[in-house]
Protein backbone atom coordinates (compact mmCIF):
# COMPACT_ATOMS: atom_id res chain seq x y z
CA MET A 1 74.67 188.70 89.61
CA ILE A 2 77.86 186.73 88.97
CA ARG A 3 79.45 188.61 91.88
CA ASN A 4 76.55 187.59 94.18
CA LEU A 5 76.76 183.95 93.09
CA PHE A 6 80.49 183.96 93.77
CA ARG A 7 79.94 185.56 97.20
CA ASN A 8 77.30 182.92 98.10
CA LEU A 9 79.55 180.12 96.92
CA LEU A 10 82.44 181.50 98.96
CA GLN A 11 80.25 181.73 102.05
CA LYS A 12 79.21 178.07 101.64
CA VAL A 13 82.82 176.98 101.24
CA GLU A 14 83.82 178.94 104.37
CA PHE A 15 80.87 177.41 106.26
CA ASN A 16 81.83 173.86 105.21
CA ILE A 17 85.47 174.47 106.12
CA ASN A 18 84.44 175.74 109.56
CA ILE A 19 82.19 172.71 110.08
CA CYS A 20 85.07 170.42 109.09
CA LEU A 21 87.45 172.21 111.46
CA ILE A 22 84.96 171.95 114.33
CA PHE A 23 84.45 168.24 113.52
CA LEU A 24 88.18 167.61 113.49
CA VAL A 25 88.54 169.26 116.91
CA ILE A 26 85.73 167.12 118.32
CA CYS A 27 86.72 163.93 116.47
CA PRO A 28 90.46 164.14 115.80
CA PHE A 29 90.68 160.65 114.26
CA ALA A 30 87.74 160.92 111.90
CA PHE A 31 89.85 161.93 108.94
CA ILE A 32 92.97 159.99 109.91
CA TYR A 33 91.41 156.54 109.75
CA SER A 34 88.18 154.72 110.34
CA SER A 35 87.59 151.65 112.45
CA ASP A 36 87.80 149.67 109.21
CA ASN A 37 91.59 149.96 109.25
CA VAL A 38 92.21 149.89 112.99
CA PHE A 39 92.15 146.49 114.69
CA ILE A 40 92.72 145.51 118.30
CA ARG A 41 94.31 142.09 118.76
CA LEU A 42 94.07 140.43 122.14
CA ASN A 43 93.47 137.17 123.96
CA GLN A 44 89.76 136.59 123.28
CA VAL A 45 89.24 134.39 126.32
CA GLY A 46 90.61 136.83 128.85
CA PHE A 47 92.92 137.14 131.79
CA LEU A 48 93.37 136.01 135.35
CA PRO A 49 93.28 139.00 137.73
CA GLY A 50 97.01 138.85 138.42
CA ASP A 51 98.06 138.28 134.81
CA ILE A 52 100.25 140.44 132.67
CA LYS A 53 97.59 141.90 130.36
CA THR A 54 98.54 143.19 126.93
CA ALA A 55 97.11 143.73 123.47
CA VAL A 56 98.28 145.08 120.11
CA ILE A 57 96.61 147.74 117.98
CA ILE A 58 97.36 147.52 114.27
CA THR A 59 96.56 150.35 111.85
CA THR A 60 97.24 151.58 108.34
CA GLY A 61 98.01 155.08 109.61
CA GLU A 62 99.83 156.55 112.56
CA ILE A 63 97.71 157.39 115.60
CA SER A 64 98.31 160.91 116.86
CA ARG A 65 96.32 160.69 120.09
CA GLY A 66 98.07 158.04 122.09
CA GLU A 67 95.66 156.41 124.50
CA PHE A 68 93.19 153.55 124.77
CA SER A 69 90.28 152.93 127.12
CA ILE A 70 88.63 149.89 128.64
CA PHE A 71 84.85 149.78 129.00
CA GLU A 72 82.49 147.26 130.48
CA GLU A 73 80.98 145.42 127.53
CA GLN A 74 77.74 147.40 127.69
CA GLY A 75 79.19 150.41 129.52
CA LYS A 76 79.41 153.99 128.30
CA SER A 77 82.13 155.26 130.63
CA ALA A 78 85.75 154.15 130.62
CA VAL A 79 86.86 152.11 133.63
CA PHE A 80 90.54 152.25 132.69
CA THR A 81 92.60 154.44 130.37
CA GLY A 82 96.21 153.94 129.42
CA PRO A 83 98.83 155.18 126.97
CA LEU A 84 99.73 153.60 123.67
CA GLY A 85 103.27 152.37 123.38
CA PRO A 86 105.58 153.84 120.74
CA VAL A 87 104.69 153.09 117.14
CA LEU A 88 106.26 149.88 115.86
CA LYS A 89 106.75 149.48 112.15
CA GLY A 90 105.15 146.34 110.79
CA GLU A 91 105.03 144.75 107.37
CA GLY A 92 102.18 144.26 104.96
CA ARG A 93 99.20 146.59 104.94
CA PHE A 94 99.26 147.40 108.65
CA LYS A 95 102.57 149.18 109.03
CA PHE A 96 101.72 150.97 112.30
CA ASN A 97 101.48 148.88 115.45
CA TYR A 98 101.08 149.82 119.10
CA LYS A 99 101.50 147.63 122.16
CA ILE A 100 99.25 148.40 125.10
CA ASP A 101 99.51 147.18 128.68
CA PHE A 102 96.64 147.12 131.16
CA SER A 103 98.15 144.81 133.77
CA GLY A 104 97.17 147.35 136.42
CA PHE A 105 93.49 146.69 135.79
CA SER A 106 92.26 143.54 137.53
CA LYS A 107 88.58 144.01 138.38
CA PRO A 108 86.61 140.89 137.38
CA GLY A 109 84.12 141.43 134.60
CA LYS A 110 83.52 141.41 130.86
CA TYR A 111 85.16 144.21 128.90
CA VAL A 112 86.09 145.70 125.54
CA ILE A 113 88.96 147.97 124.56
CA ARG A 114 88.29 151.06 122.47
CA CYS A 115 90.80 153.10 120.53
CA GLY A 116 90.39 155.37 117.55
CA GLY A 117 86.89 154.28 116.68
CA ALA A 118 87.78 150.59 116.89
CA LYS A 119 86.42 148.21 119.48
CA SER A 120 87.98 144.92 120.50
CA LEU A 121 86.21 141.64 120.85
CA PRO A 122 84.93 141.16 124.41
CA PHE A 123 87.17 139.49 126.97
CA LEU A 124 86.88 138.41 130.58
CA ILE A 125 88.90 139.08 133.69
CA GLY A 126 88.35 136.53 136.42
CA SER A 127 89.79 133.55 138.27
CA GLY A 128 87.91 130.95 136.25
CA VAL A 129 88.32 132.17 132.68
CA TYR A 130 90.30 129.08 131.62
CA GLN A 131 88.01 126.51 133.17
CA GLY A 132 86.75 124.00 130.63
CA ILE A 133 89.36 124.52 127.92
CA THR A 134 91.23 121.37 128.91
CA ASP A 135 87.98 119.39 128.62
CA SER A 136 87.66 120.58 125.04
CA LEU A 137 91.30 119.85 124.23
CA LEU A 138 90.95 116.37 125.64
CA ALA A 139 87.82 115.76 123.54
CA PHE A 140 89.98 116.09 120.44
CA PHE A 141 91.83 112.92 121.46
CA ARG A 142 88.54 111.04 121.54
CA VAL A 143 87.99 112.16 117.95
CA GLN A 144 91.44 110.81 117.05
CA ARG A 145 90.86 107.42 118.67
CA CYS A 146 91.24 104.37 116.46
CA GLY A 147 89.90 100.84 116.80
CA TYR A 148 87.69 99.61 119.64
CA THR A 149 88.32 102.62 121.87
CA ALA A 150 84.88 104.32 121.89
CA PRO A 151 85.84 107.03 119.39
CA PHE A 152 83.90 110.30 119.13
CA LEU A 153 82.35 111.67 115.89
CA HIS A 154 83.09 108.48 113.96
CA GLY A 155 82.63 104.75 114.28
CA ILE A 156 84.91 101.89 115.24
CA CYS A 157 87.63 101.76 112.61
CA HIS A 158 90.79 100.04 111.36
CA ILE A 159 89.99 96.80 113.12
CA ALA A 160 92.65 94.80 111.26
CA ASP A 161 95.74 96.85 112.17
CA ALA A 162 98.26 95.71 111.12
CA THR A 163 97.93 93.49 108.07
CA SER A 164 101.67 93.08 107.50
CA LEU A 165 104.98 93.97 109.11
CA ILE A 166 107.47 95.71 106.85
CA GLY A 167 111.10 95.28 107.86
CA ALA A 168 110.57 92.00 109.67
CA LYS A 169 112.52 88.84 108.99
CA PRO A 170 110.48 86.06 107.31
CA GLN A 171 110.06 84.20 110.57
CA GLN A 172 108.73 87.39 112.20
CA ALA A 173 106.15 88.11 109.53
CA GLY A 174 102.46 87.79 110.21
CA LYS A 175 99.64 89.77 111.69
CA PHE A 176 100.25 91.78 114.85
CA ASP A 177 97.57 93.44 116.94
CA LEU A 178 98.20 97.15 116.52
CA THR A 179 94.62 98.27 116.86
CA GLY A 180 93.76 101.22 119.04
CA GLY A 181 95.74 104.35 119.72
CA TRP A 182 95.18 107.64 117.95
CA HIS A 183 95.29 108.81 114.36
CA ASP A 184 98.08 111.33 114.29
CA ALA A 185 96.43 114.30 112.56
CA GLY A 186 93.90 114.89 109.78
CA ASP A 187 94.82 111.60 108.15
CA TYR A 188 94.58 108.04 109.48
CA VAL A 189 98.23 107.11 109.95
CA LYS A 190 99.50 106.20 113.43
CA PHE A 191 103.02 106.98 114.60
CA PHE A 192 105.02 105.71 117.55
CA ASN A 193 106.87 108.98 118.17
CA THR A 194 103.85 111.28 118.38
CA THR A 195 101.81 108.73 120.33
CA ALA A 196 104.61 108.35 122.88
CA PHE A 197 105.08 112.12 123.13
CA SER A 198 101.36 112.77 123.61
CA THR A 199 100.98 110.02 126.18
CA TYR A 200 103.99 111.29 128.11
CA MET A 201 102.64 114.84 128.18
CA MET A 202 99.33 113.65 129.61
CA LEU A 203 101.07 111.65 132.31
CA PHE A 204 103.51 114.46 133.05
CA SER A 205 100.68 116.99 133.35
CA PHE A 206 98.90 114.84 135.92
CA GLU A 207 102.09 114.32 137.90
CA PHE A 208 102.90 118.05 137.74
CA ASP A 209 99.55 119.07 139.26
CA PRO A 210 97.13 116.26 140.17
CA VAL A 211 94.50 118.81 141.23
CA LYS A 212 94.32 120.88 138.06
CA PHE A 213 94.67 117.81 135.86
CA GLY A 214 92.64 115.50 138.04
CA PHE A 215 89.19 116.51 136.76
CA ASP A 216 86.81 113.58 136.37
CA SER A 217 83.94 114.69 134.15
CA ASN A 218 82.35 111.25 133.86
CA HIS A 219 82.59 110.63 137.62
CA ASN A 220 84.09 107.16 137.33
CA GLY A 221 86.84 107.72 139.86
CA VAL A 222 89.66 108.08 137.31
CA ALA A 223 90.99 111.41 136.06
CA ASP A 224 89.91 111.99 132.46
CA ILE A 225 93.47 112.71 131.36
CA LEU A 226 94.61 109.32 132.70
CA GLU A 227 91.77 107.56 130.91
CA GLU A 228 92.94 109.12 127.67
CA ALA A 229 96.58 108.38 128.42
CA LYS A 230 95.59 104.72 128.82
CA VAL A 231 94.54 104.69 125.14
CA GLY A 232 98.08 105.70 124.26
CA LEU A 233 99.67 103.31 126.75
CA ASP A 234 97.75 100.30 125.47
CA TRP A 235 98.82 100.99 121.89
CA LEU A 236 102.44 101.62 122.85
CA LEU A 237 102.53 98.31 124.71
CA ARG A 238 101.33 96.58 121.54
CA ALA A 239 103.89 98.50 119.49
CA HIS A 240 106.78 97.11 121.53
CA LEU A 241 107.33 93.66 120.09
CA GLY A 242 110.04 92.87 122.63
CA GLY A 243 113.68 93.77 123.09
CA GLU A 244 114.84 96.29 120.51
CA ARG A 245 111.85 95.79 118.17
CA PHE A 246 109.26 98.55 117.91
CA VAL A 247 106.49 99.27 115.47
CA ILE A 248 107.18 102.83 114.36
CA GLN A 249 104.26 103.48 112.04
CA VAL A 250 100.97 101.93 110.95
CA GLN A 251 99.85 102.62 107.36
CA ASP A 252 101.83 104.16 104.54
CA LEU A 253 101.33 107.28 102.45
CA ARG A 254 98.65 105.68 100.29
CA ASP A 255 96.37 106.87 103.06
CA HIS A 256 96.71 110.39 101.63
CA GLU A 257 95.46 109.29 98.20
CA GLN A 258 92.07 107.87 99.16
CA GLY A 259 90.01 111.05 99.24
CA TRP A 260 88.06 112.47 102.16
CA ARG A 261 86.28 109.75 104.12
CA LEU A 262 85.44 108.78 107.68
CA PRO A 263 87.88 106.25 109.13
CA GLU A 264 85.29 103.46 109.31
CA GLU A 265 84.78 103.90 105.55
CA ASP A 266 88.48 103.58 104.72
CA LYS A 267 88.94 101.35 101.66
CA LEU A 268 92.38 100.41 102.98
CA THR A 269 91.07 98.99 106.26
CA PHE A 270 92.43 95.54 105.40
CA ASP A 271 95.59 96.84 103.79
CA ARG A 272 97.40 98.75 106.51
CA PRO A 273 101.02 97.66 106.93
CA ALA A 274 103.15 98.34 109.98
CA PHE A 275 106.83 99.31 109.89
CA LEU A 276 109.33 97.62 112.18
CA GLY A 277 112.17 99.73 113.54
CA GLY A 278 113.76 101.07 116.66
CA GLY A 279 116.60 103.20 117.93
CA LYS A 280 117.90 104.71 121.13
CA ASN A 281 115.47 107.57 120.57
CA THR A 282 112.46 105.22 120.63
CA ALA A 283 113.81 103.25 123.59
CA GLY A 284 114.34 106.47 125.52
CA ILE A 285 110.87 107.95 125.12
CA TYR A 286 109.21 104.55 125.58
CA SER A 287 111.11 103.97 128.83
CA ALA A 288 110.11 107.44 130.03
CA VAL A 289 106.43 106.89 129.29
CA MET A 290 106.29 103.47 130.91
CA ALA A 291 108.33 104.40 133.99
CA LEU A 292 106.14 107.43 134.67
CA ALA A 293 102.98 105.40 134.07
CA SER A 294 104.16 102.78 136.54
CA ARG A 295 104.36 105.37 139.34
CA ILE A 296 100.97 106.90 138.59
CA TRP A 297 99.17 103.57 138.32
CA LYS A 298 100.83 102.40 141.53
CA ASN A 299 100.54 105.51 143.69
CA SER A 300 97.41 107.22 142.38
CA LEU A 301 95.28 104.43 140.90
CA HIS A 302 96.58 101.62 143.13
CA TYR A 303 96.63 99.18 140.24
CA ASP A 304 99.81 97.31 141.01
CA GLU A 305 99.51 94.73 138.24
CA PHE A 306 99.48 97.32 135.46
CA ALA A 307 102.10 99.43 137.25
CA ASP A 308 104.46 96.46 137.43
CA LYS A 309 103.87 95.67 133.76
CA CYS A 310 104.76 99.22 132.75
CA LEU A 311 107.91 99.28 134.87
CA LYS A 312 109.06 95.95 133.44
CA GLU A 313 108.56 97.32 129.92
CA ALA A 314 110.54 100.45 130.78
CA LEU A 315 113.44 98.47 132.22
CA ASN A 316 113.59 96.03 129.30
CA ALA A 317 113.42 98.72 126.61
CA TYR A 318 116.09 100.83 128.28
CA ALA A 319 118.37 97.81 128.64
CA ALA A 320 117.82 96.90 124.98
CA SER A 321 118.87 100.37 123.84
CA GLY A 322 122.50 99.30 123.94
CA LYS A 323 121.85 96.93 121.04
CA MET A 324 119.99 99.51 119.00
CA PRO A 325 121.19 102.08 116.47
CA ASP A 326 121.34 105.65 117.69
CA LEU A 327 118.36 106.71 115.58
CA ASP A 328 115.43 104.90 114.07
CA LYS A 329 115.14 105.49 110.30
CA SER A 330 112.20 103.24 109.44
CA GLY A 331 108.73 104.05 108.14
CA THR A 332 108.01 106.49 105.34
CA GLY A 333 110.31 109.28 106.47
CA MET A 334 107.91 111.13 108.75
CA TYR A 335 108.51 111.98 112.43
CA LEU A 336 112.12 110.81 112.45
CA ASP A 337 114.37 112.07 115.24
CA SER A 338 117.68 113.75 114.49
CA LYS A 339 119.15 113.04 117.94
CA PHE A 340 118.60 110.59 120.78
CA GLN A 341 120.38 111.92 123.88
CA GLY A 342 117.48 114.01 125.19
CA LYS A 343 115.02 111.13 125.08
CA MET A 344 117.51 108.75 126.65
CA ALA A 345 118.08 111.32 129.41
CA LEU A 346 114.33 111.44 129.97
CA GLY A 347 114.03 107.66 130.05
CA ALA A 348 116.89 107.39 132.53
CA ILE A 349 115.57 110.02 134.94
CA GLU A 350 112.08 108.53 134.91
CA LEU A 351 113.57 105.13 135.68
CA TYR A 352 115.55 106.65 138.52
CA GLU A 353 112.40 108.17 139.98
CA SER A 354 110.66 104.79 139.73
CA THR A 355 113.48 102.60 141.04
CA LYS A 356 115.86 104.92 142.95
CA ASN A 357 118.71 103.06 141.30
CA ALA A 358 121.51 105.63 141.23
CA SER A 359 122.97 104.30 137.99
CA TYR A 360 119.97 105.68 136.13
CA LEU A 361 120.48 109.11 137.67
CA ASN A 362 124.13 109.11 136.66
CA GLU A 363 123.26 108.09 133.12
CA SER A 364 120.53 110.72 132.90
CA ILE A 365 123.05 113.43 133.83
CA GLN A 366 125.52 112.12 131.26
CA PHE A 367 122.90 112.07 128.49
CA ALA A 368 121.65 115.54 129.43
CA GLU A 369 125.17 116.95 129.25
CA GLU A 370 125.58 115.39 125.81
CA ALA A 371 122.18 116.65 124.65
CA LYS A 372 122.67 120.22 125.90
CA SER A 373 120.01 122.82 124.98
CA ASP A 374 117.75 122.19 121.99
CA TYR A 375 116.23 125.71 121.74
CA TRP A 376 112.85 124.35 120.64
CA TRP A 377 109.88 122.21 121.61
CA SER A 378 108.19 119.47 119.64
CA TRP A 379 107.63 115.72 119.68
CA GLY A 380 111.34 115.41 118.83
CA ASP A 381 112.74 118.22 120.99
CA MET A 382 112.12 117.33 124.61
CA ASN A 383 115.46 118.03 126.27
CA SER A 384 113.93 120.69 128.48
CA VAL A 385 111.58 118.37 130.35
CA ALA A 386 114.46 115.99 131.05
CA ASP A 387 116.57 118.94 132.24
CA TYR A 388 113.75 120.03 134.55
CA LYS A 389 113.55 116.62 136.18
CA ILE A 390 117.29 116.03 136.41
CA ALA A 391 117.96 119.51 137.83
CA LYS A 392 116.17 118.52 141.03
CA TYR A 393 119.15 116.25 141.73
CA GLU A 394 121.92 117.98 139.73
CA PRO A 395 121.15 121.74 139.81
CA GLY A 396 123.66 122.68 137.12
CA ILE A 397 121.55 120.92 134.49
CA LYS A 398 118.94 123.66 134.76
CA ASN A 399 121.25 125.91 132.74
CA TYR A 400 120.26 124.01 129.60
CA LEU A 401 116.63 124.85 130.28
CA PHE A 402 117.60 128.45 130.97
CA ASN A 403 119.39 128.67 127.61
CA ASN A 404 116.20 127.65 125.85
CA LEU A 405 114.16 130.22 127.73
CA LYS A 406 116.66 133.01 127.20
CA ASN A 407 116.57 132.36 123.46
CA PHE A 408 112.77 132.25 123.35
CA ASN A 409 112.59 135.42 125.42
CA GLU A 410 114.95 137.34 123.15
CA ILE A 411 112.82 136.48 120.12
CA LYS A 412 109.66 137.41 122.03
CA ASN A 413 111.07 140.82 122.95
CA LYS A 414 111.76 141.63 119.29
CA SER A 415 108.33 140.63 117.99
CA ILE A 416 105.26 142.85 117.87
CA PHE A 417 102.83 140.18 119.04
CA GLY A 418 105.17 138.53 121.53
CA GLU A 419 105.60 135.19 119.80
CA ALA A 420 108.81 133.42 120.80
CA ALA A 421 109.59 131.68 117.50
CA SER A 422 108.80 132.04 113.82
CA ASP A 423 108.57 130.38 110.41
CA ASN A 424 108.44 126.71 111.20
CA TRP A 425 105.85 124.06 110.46
CA GLY A 426 104.08 123.41 113.75
CA LEU A 427 104.85 126.85 115.12
CA ASN A 428 101.97 126.82 117.61
CA THR A 429 103.37 123.71 119.26
CA ALA A 430 106.72 125.45 119.70
CA LEU A 431 105.09 128.59 121.13
CA MET A 432 103.09 126.59 123.66
CA GLY A 433 106.24 124.60 124.36
CA ALA A 434 108.08 127.81 125.20
CA ALA A 435 105.30 128.61 127.68
CA PHE A 436 105.51 125.06 129.04
CA GLN A 437 109.24 125.48 129.65
CA ALA A 438 108.63 128.80 131.40
CA ALA A 439 106.20 127.02 133.73
CA LEU A 440 108.83 124.37 134.45
CA TRP A 441 111.39 127.06 135.24
CA LYS A 442 109.02 128.80 137.62
CA LYS A 443 108.27 125.61 139.53
CA LEU A 444 111.93 124.59 139.60
CA THR A 445 113.36 127.93 140.73
CA GLY A 446 110.44 129.99 142.04
CA SER A 447 111.49 132.75 139.66
CA SER A 448 108.99 134.86 137.71
CA SER A 449 111.62 135.90 135.15
CA PHE A 450 109.80 134.25 132.27
CA ASP A 451 106.19 134.94 133.24
CA SER A 452 105.68 137.33 130.33
CA LEU A 453 107.08 134.72 127.95
CA MET A 454 104.55 132.21 129.22
CA THR A 455 101.61 134.61 129.10
CA PHE A 456 102.42 136.05 125.67
CA GLN A 457 102.48 132.61 124.02
CA ARG A 458 99.12 131.76 125.56
CA ASP A 459 97.70 135.07 124.35
CA TYR A 460 99.06 134.60 120.84
CA ILE A 461 97.27 131.26 120.54
CA LEU A 462 94.01 132.86 121.71
CA GLY A 463 93.95 135.87 119.41
CA LYS A 464 96.80 138.30 120.04
CA ASN A 465 98.17 137.65 116.58
CA PRO A 466 98.02 139.40 113.19
CA TRP A 467 94.76 137.69 112.20
CA GLY A 468 92.95 138.15 115.50
CA VAL A 469 92.03 134.47 115.48
CA SER A 470 91.94 131.92 118.27
CA PHE A 471 93.69 128.84 116.93
CA ILE A 472 91.49 126.54 119.06
CA TYR A 473 88.12 125.45 117.72
CA ASN A 474 85.18 127.09 119.49
CA ILE A 475 87.39 128.94 121.97
CA GLY A 476 86.91 132.69 121.65
CA LYS A 477 84.57 134.47 119.24
CA VAL A 478 86.72 134.39 116.10
CA PHE A 479 88.33 130.94 115.92
CA ALA A 480 89.74 128.45 113.44
CA ARG A 481 86.86 126.53 111.86
CA ASN A 482 87.95 124.82 108.67
CA PHE A 483 90.62 122.42 109.84
CA HIS A 484 92.48 120.06 107.56
CA SER A 485 90.70 117.13 109.18
CA GLN A 486 88.58 114.54 107.45
CA VAL A 487 86.51 113.80 110.54
CA GLY A 488 85.97 117.51 111.14
CA PHE A 489 85.01 118.26 107.54
CA LEU A 490 82.57 115.34 107.36
CA ASN A 491 80.98 116.53 110.62
CA LYS A 492 80.24 119.96 109.11
CA GLY A 493 83.38 121.50 110.59
CA TYR A 494 82.69 120.38 114.16
CA LEU A 495 86.01 119.43 115.74
CA PRO A 496 86.08 120.23 119.47
CA GLY A 497 89.44 121.10 120.94
CA ALA A 498 91.36 121.05 117.66
CA VAL A 499 94.38 123.36 117.58
CA ALA A 500 95.71 124.67 114.26
CA ALA A 501 99.38 124.11 113.43
CA GLY A 502 100.00 127.84 113.03
CA PRO A 503 101.55 130.26 110.53
CA VAL A 504 104.61 129.92 108.33
CA SER A 505 106.31 132.34 105.94
CA ARG A 506 104.76 132.98 102.55
CA LYS A 507 107.84 131.55 100.83
CA LYS A 508 107.71 128.33 102.83
CA LEU A 509 103.98 127.89 102.27
CA GLU A 510 104.24 128.54 98.53
CA GLY A 511 106.77 125.72 98.35
CA TYR A 512 103.99 123.22 99.10
CA LYS A 513 101.82 124.48 96.21
CA ILE A 514 98.58 124.13 98.17
CA LYS A 515 95.53 125.14 96.13
CA ILE A 516 92.92 127.04 98.12
CA THR A 517 89.57 127.08 96.32
CA GLU A 518 87.65 129.26 98.76
CA GLY A 519 88.32 132.90 99.62
CA ASP A 520 90.76 133.98 102.31
CA PRO A 521 89.05 136.06 105.04
CA PHE A 522 92.47 136.94 106.45
CA LYS A 523 93.96 138.08 103.15
CA GLU A 524 94.59 141.69 104.21
CA PHE A 525 96.52 140.53 107.29
CA GLN A 526 98.90 138.13 105.52
CA THR A 527 102.54 139.16 105.25
CA ASP A 528 105.69 137.70 103.76
CA SER A 529 106.84 136.51 107.18
CA ALA A 530 103.57 135.00 108.43
CA VAL A 531 100.64 133.43 106.59
CA TYR A 532 97.79 131.54 108.22
CA GLN A 533 94.90 130.12 106.19
CA ASP A 534 91.71 128.85 107.80
CA SER A 535 91.14 126.36 105.02
CA ARG A 536 90.60 122.62 105.10
CA GLN A 537 92.96 122.37 102.13
CA ASP A 538 95.90 123.87 104.03
CA TYR A 539 97.68 120.99 105.73
CA VAL A 540 100.63 123.19 106.69
CA THR A 541 99.04 125.96 108.77
CA ASN A 542 95.62 124.49 109.59
CA GLU A 543 96.02 120.80 110.37
CA PRO A 544 95.52 119.71 113.99
CA SER A 545 97.62 116.94 115.52
CA ILE A 546 97.84 114.99 118.75
CA SER A 547 101.27 116.41 119.66
CA THR A 548 100.02 119.99 119.36
CA ASN A 549 97.01 119.18 121.52
CA ALA A 550 99.13 117.37 124.09
CA THR A 551 101.22 120.50 124.60
CA ALA A 552 98.10 122.68 124.71
CA LEU A 553 96.64 120.42 127.40
CA PHE A 554 99.42 121.32 129.79
CA LEU A 555 99.40 125.03 129.01
CA PHE A 556 95.70 125.64 129.48
CA GLY A 557 95.42 123.23 132.37
CA TYR A 558 98.23 125.15 134.05
CA PHE A 559 96.21 128.37 133.88
CA SER A 560 92.93 126.79 134.96
CA GLY A 561 91.95 127.72 138.48
CA LYS A 562 95.07 129.80 138.95
CA PRO A 563 94.54 133.07 140.93
């Protein structure tokens, strides 16, 4: 009897082994991993037909069968199949990573990628996939509006700006009208540098392509981006008190100690000081903004009075720069430049394009040669846009722009997800800035050498990243929702067009000692080199700002309507 029981047991074991072997032949990945530990990271919005199209597959185990397939979203048969790239060793839990390329597939439609039991989020291929994103990005500026500027999602606010002027001589003290403009980020402080940068980027975008950036959603005959730029221009005009005197900041750091409130409920409404300052850096960017505005208001809007006012401001500020220190050091220590030559080069070249006075061209070349390459992009690192403009007249200057792009490209080529920079507060601005510079290079030279650099940064922002998250609110299916924004939080998370600042290293983030009280849905994807937290308490990786959005405006407007 024992022998029979043993024989029956052996037969069952053999049967189960055979079934397992058959199952492994049919489903070779079933016992290697499940879809729970295979993730496909890609641009959730999609691709233009002629785009470079890539994605990254991250897994906890090595994939032995090296191919992926594309299906129509509801389809059962593959419409495209391609090979996986070689395994790339990552850090953290997902140590096996594969790049895939499906640039050869361009049929318009809605698709998913399948590999190893995992399915990607759906994405589109088509000529209009980026339509509407710039509208959303521009809406964020309406949320950030201050004063009597018809703000969105909150009421009229800070109607007494500014209640005092710190740094002024006794005879200069008193109340100055510094209402209007934009709150810089999730708080309610206003800064000259980021306002000037954001205004310039709007004006530059319109000048770069008046068709793509000329959309007029409210049908009032003025491009929406110029209407928003006017909010910045009006405040900047108020912030220039004449000659070398500029208001650099409105409100101090007490703003951060008042708790979460809407701006119209700010207890400090009638206690918001302004800080007087100025340097060659402020004169340079101010001159650039006003000179460019003068051309647009004259040639596109045919408003000569305002155009003349802007040009006069640009000329006076540039002339006053000779009496100013190299760098402004006023305010509370935030948004202070470390160099001035790039912004002076930009101011000079914009004045040349507005006046055709050759002395400005000569000075722009001199400043550009002193500034050289800055290898970055931010509100304080704008050399590349000056180089782009000057290179039209002095071709050798384009080498400084090329140096930036070469550096970005080398970093991109070494990274799994294609990002062109790492571990810096405001990383997403820099990545989009790298793409911006690639677009400038392409228009300047006609070369496609940096097309992949441009496309990969766009894709990273929209989901081809370790967390599979789109960093833009309500763009894509999995997107940043819990921004470090008071207006957003008090509107139940609704913050159209907001762009998160982006990841930093774990070590850098831990240095800020931010306490997160809710769970982290991205916990398993965090690594020592890159942490992103979709939490309203994280002001390092998840705070939106006007300078980030201003850069995003160009990038996504550039891709809108492009074949």
